[in-house]
């Protein structure tokens, strides 16, 4: 999988690259809910390590060709 973030960089909340994941409010909600990529908090400043962001994105990857345990998708004719 291609790296979306630079592994050697630390991203600060508010960096435009983080907007790819969502707004500041969304990231704040995720942190409150203990969801999303790992973060570092120093005082009031929130940081994200690029390697953590890439790892989290990789864990969210869905490959439909590898999901053999899912039931088949019902067609619209099945709902009539």
N, C-alpha and C. Protein backbone atom coordinates (compact mmCIF):
# COMPACT_ATOMS: atom_id res chain seq x y z
N UNK A 1 0.84 -1.18 0.00
CA UNK A 1 0.00 0.00 0.00
C UNK A 1 0.89 1.24 0.00
N UNK A 2 0.50 2.21 -0.77
CA UNK A 2 1.27 3.46 -0.84
C UNK A 2 1.18 4.21 0.48
N UNK A 3 2.24 4.87 0.84
CA UNK A 3 2.26 5.66 2.07
C UNK A 3 1.57 6.99 1.83
N UNK A 4 0.55 7.28 2.60
CA UNK A 4 -0.17 8.54 2.48
C UNK A 4 0.56 9.67 3.22
N UNK A 5 1.27 9.29 4.29
CA UNK A 5 1.97 10.26 5.13
C UNK A 5 3.45 9.90 5.19
N UNK A 6 4.28 10.89 5.44
CA UNK A 6 5.72 10.69 5.57
C UNK A 6 5.99 10.05 6.93
N UNK A 7 6.54 8.82 6.93
CA UNK A 7 6.79 8.09 8.18
C UNK A 7 7.69 8.85 9.15
N UNK A 8 8.60 9.66 8.64
CA UNK A 8 9.57 10.35 9.49
C UNK A 8 9.10 11.72 9.96
N UNK A 9 7.86 12.06 9.67
CA UNK A 9 7.36 13.38 10.02
C UNK A 9 6.34 13.28 11.15
N UNK A 10 6.29 14.31 11.97
CA UNK A 10 5.26 14.44 12.99
C UNK A 10 4.30 15.53 12.54
N UNK A 11 3.03 15.20 12.50
CA UNK A 11 2.00 16.13 12.05
C UNK A 11 1.33 16.77 13.25
N UNK A 12 1.14 18.07 13.17
CA UNK A 12 0.52 18.83 14.25
C UNK A 12 -0.95 19.04 13.88
N UNK A 13 -1.83 18.91 14.86
CA UNK A 13 -3.23 19.16 14.62
C UNK A 13 -3.38 20.53 13.96
N UNK A 14 -4.03 20.56 12.82
CA UNK A 14 -4.16 21.78 12.05
C UNK A 14 -3.36 21.75 10.76
N UNK A 15 -2.41 20.79 10.64
CA UNK A 15 -1.68 20.64 9.38
C UNK A 15 -2.67 20.27 8.27
N UNK A 16 -2.53 20.87 7.10
CA UNK A 16 -3.49 20.58 6.03
C UNK A 16 -3.53 19.10 5.62
N UNK A 17 -2.43 18.38 5.79
CA UNK A 17 -2.40 16.96 5.42
C UNK A 17 -3.39 16.15 6.26
N UNK A 18 -3.63 16.57 7.50
CA UNK A 18 -4.55 15.84 8.37
C UNK A 18 -6.00 16.01 7.94
N UNK A 19 -6.28 17.02 7.13
CA UNK A 19 -7.65 17.22 6.65
C UNK A 19 -8.11 16.04 5.81
N UNK A 20 -7.17 15.25 5.30
CA UNK A 20 -7.49 14.03 4.57
C UNK A 20 -8.32 13.10 5.45
N UNK A 21 -8.03 13.08 6.75
CA UNK A 21 -8.75 12.21 7.69
C UNK A 21 -10.06 12.83 8.15
N UNK A 22 -10.10 14.14 8.20
CA UNK A 22 -11.31 14.82 8.66
C UNK A 22 -10.96 16.15 9.31
N UNK A 23 -11.99 16.82 9.77
CA UNK A 23 -11.83 18.13 10.39
C UNK A 23 -11.18 18.00 11.78
N UNK A 24 -10.76 19.14 12.33
CA UNK A 24 -10.21 19.15 13.69
C UNK A 24 -11.25 18.60 14.67
N UNK A 25 -12.51 18.97 14.46
CA UNK A 25 -13.58 18.52 15.35
C UNK A 25 -13.75 17.00 15.27
N UNK A 26 -13.66 16.46 14.07
CA UNK A 26 -13.81 15.01 13.91
C UNK A 26 -12.67 14.28 14.60
N UNK A 27 -11.44 14.77 14.42
CA UNK A 27 -10.29 14.14 15.07
C UNK A 27 -10.41 14.25 16.59
N UNK A 28 -10.92 15.37 17.07
CA UNK A 28 -11.13 15.56 18.51
C UNK A 28 -12.15 14.55 19.02
N UNK A 29 -13.22 14.36 18.29
CA UNK A 29 -14.25 13.39 18.68
C UNK A 29 -13.68 11.98 18.70
N UNK A 30 -12.88 11.64 17.68
CA UNK A 30 -12.24 10.33 17.65
C UNK A 30 -11.36 10.12 18.87
N UNK A 31 -10.58 11.14 19.24
CA UNK A 31 -9.69 11.00 20.40
C UNK A 31 -10.53 10.78 21.66
N UNK A 32 -11.60 11.52 21.81
CA UNK A 32 -12.48 11.38 22.97
C UNK A 32 -13.07 9.97 23.03
N UNK A 33 -13.40 9.41 21.86
CA UNK A 33 -13.99 8.07 21.78
C UNK A 33 -12.94 6.97 21.75
N UNK A 34 -11.66 7.36 21.84
CA UNK A 34 -10.54 6.40 21.78
C UNK A 34 -10.57 5.62 20.48
N UNK A 35 -10.78 6.33 19.37
CA UNK A 35 -10.85 5.76 18.04
C UNK A 35 -9.85 6.51 17.16
N UNK A 36 -9.51 5.91 16.05
CA UNK A 36 -8.64 6.59 15.08
C UNK A 36 -7.18 6.27 15.31
N UNK A 37 -6.32 7.01 14.61
CA UNK A 37 -4.88 6.75 14.73
C UNK A 37 -4.35 7.18 16.10
N UNK A 38 -3.24 6.55 16.48
CA UNK A 38 -2.58 6.92 17.74
C UNK A 38 -2.15 8.39 17.68
N UNK A 39 -2.15 9.03 18.83
CA UNK A 39 -1.74 10.42 18.89
C UNK A 39 -0.83 10.65 20.08
N UNK A 40 -0.17 11.79 20.05
CA UNK A 40 0.72 12.20 21.14
C UNK A 40 0.18 13.52 21.65
N UNK A 41 0.04 13.66 22.95
CA UNK A 41 -0.44 14.91 23.52
C UNK A 41 0.64 15.48 24.43
N UNK A 42 1.06 16.68 24.11
CA UNK A 42 2.04 17.40 24.91
C UNK A 42 1.37 18.70 25.34
N UNK A 43 0.97 18.76 26.60
CA UNK A 43 0.21 19.92 27.05
C UNK A 43 -1.12 19.95 26.30
N UNK A 44 -1.36 21.05 25.60
CA UNK A 44 -2.58 21.18 24.81
C UNK A 44 -2.36 20.83 23.34
N UNK A 45 -1.12 20.58 22.98
CA UNK A 45 -0.78 20.31 21.58
C UNK A 45 -0.97 18.82 21.27
N UNK A 46 -1.61 18.55 20.12
CA UNK A 46 -1.86 17.18 19.67
C UNK A 46 -0.99 16.92 18.44
N UNK A 47 -0.25 15.82 18.48
CA UNK A 47 0.64 15.44 17.39
C UNK A 47 0.30 14.03 16.90
N UNK A 48 0.56 13.80 15.63
CA UNK A 48 0.38 12.48 15.04
C UNK A 48 1.68 12.11 14.33
N UNK A 49 2.23 10.94 14.65
CA UNK A 49 3.42 10.44 13.95
C UNK A 49 2.97 9.90 12.59
N UNK A 50 3.69 10.24 11.55
CA UNK A 50 3.36 9.78 10.21
C UNK A 50 3.28 8.26 10.13
N UNK A 51 4.18 7.57 10.83
CA UNK A 51 4.17 6.11 10.81
C UNK A 51 2.89 5.56 11.45
N UNK A 52 2.41 6.22 12.51
CA UNK A 52 1.14 5.81 13.14
C UNK A 52 -0.04 6.03 12.20
N UNK A 53 -0.02 7.14 11.49
CA UNK A 53 -1.10 7.43 10.54
C UNK A 53 -1.14 6.39 9.44
N UNK A 54 0.03 6.05 8.89
CA UNK A 54 0.10 5.04 7.84
C UNK A 54 -0.33 3.66 8.34
N UNK A 55 0.07 3.31 9.56
CA UNK A 55 -0.33 2.01 10.14
C UNK A 55 -1.84 1.95 10.32
N UNK A 56 -2.43 3.03 10.82
CA UNK A 56 -3.86 3.05 11.04
C UNK A 56 -4.61 2.94 9.72
N UNK A 57 -4.15 3.67 8.71
CA UNK A 57 -4.80 3.59 7.40
C UNK A 57 -4.70 2.17 6.84
N UNK A 58 -3.55 1.54 6.99
CA UNK A 58 -3.37 0.18 6.48
C UNK A 58 -4.33 -0.78 7.19
N UNK A 59 -4.58 -0.56 8.48
CA UNK A 59 -5.49 -1.43 9.23
C UNK A 59 -6.94 -1.24 8.79
N UNK A 60 -7.26 -0.11 8.18
CA UNK A 60 -8.61 0.18 7.71
C UNK A 60 -8.85 -0.29 6.28
N UNK A 61 -7.81 -0.81 5.64
CA UNK A 61 -7.90 -1.22 4.23
C UNK A 61 -8.84 -2.41 4.07
N UNK A 62 -9.69 -2.33 3.08
CA UNK A 62 -10.62 -3.41 2.76
C UNK A 62 -10.30 -3.91 1.36
N UNK A 63 -10.05 -5.21 1.25
CA UNK A 63 -9.81 -5.83 -0.04
C UNK A 63 -10.97 -6.78 -0.31
N UNK A 64 -11.90 -6.41 -1.18
CA UNK A 64 -13.07 -7.26 -1.39
C UNK A 64 -12.73 -8.64 -1.94
N UNK A 65 -11.57 -8.79 -2.55
CA UNK A 65 -11.17 -10.09 -3.08
C UNK A 65 -10.70 -11.04 -1.99
N UNK A 66 -10.42 -10.54 -0.81
CA UNK A 66 -9.92 -11.37 0.29
C UNK A 66 -10.99 -11.66 1.34
N UNK A 67 -12.21 -11.21 1.14
CA UNK A 67 -13.25 -11.40 2.14
C UNK A 67 -14.19 -12.51 1.72
N UNK A 68 -13.75 -13.72 1.92
CA UNK A 68 -14.53 -14.89 1.52
C UNK A 68 -15.59 -15.26 2.55
N UNK A 69 -15.51 -14.72 3.77
CA UNK A 69 -16.46 -15.09 4.81
C UNK A 69 -17.71 -14.22 4.81
N UNK A 70 -17.77 -13.22 3.94
CA UNK A 70 -18.95 -12.36 3.86
C UNK A 70 -20.03 -13.04 3.03
N UNK A 71 -21.29 -12.87 3.43
CA UNK A 71 -22.36 -13.41 2.59
C UNK A 71 -22.46 -12.63 1.29
N UNK A 72 -22.96 -13.23 0.23
CA UNK A 72 -23.07 -12.51 -1.04
C UNK A 72 -24.03 -11.33 -0.91
N UNK A 73 -23.79 -10.32 -1.69
CA UNK A 73 -24.63 -9.12 -1.68
C UNK A 73 -25.93 -9.45 -2.40
N UNK A 74 -27.04 -9.11 -1.75
CA UNK A 74 -28.34 -9.37 -2.35
C UNK A 74 -28.59 -8.38 -3.48
N UNK A 75 -29.20 -8.86 -4.54
CA UNK A 75 -29.53 -7.98 -5.66
C UNK A 75 -30.82 -7.26 -5.36
N UNK A 76 -31.11 -6.21 -6.12
CA UNK A 76 -32.34 -5.45 -5.89
C UNK A 76 -33.57 -6.33 -6.14
N UNK A 77 -33.47 -7.35 -6.98
CA UNK A 77 -34.59 -8.26 -7.24
C UNK A 77 -34.93 -9.08 -5.99
N UNK A 78 -33.95 -9.30 -5.11
CA UNK A 78 -34.18 -10.07 -3.89
C UNK A 78 -35.04 -9.30 -2.89
N UNK A 79 -35.12 -7.98 -3.03
CA UNK A 79 -35.86 -7.15 -2.07
C UNK A 79 -37.29 -6.91 -2.50
N UNK A 80 -37.71 -7.44 -3.63
CA UNK A 80 -39.08 -7.18 -4.11
C UNK A 80 -40.02 -8.24 -3.66
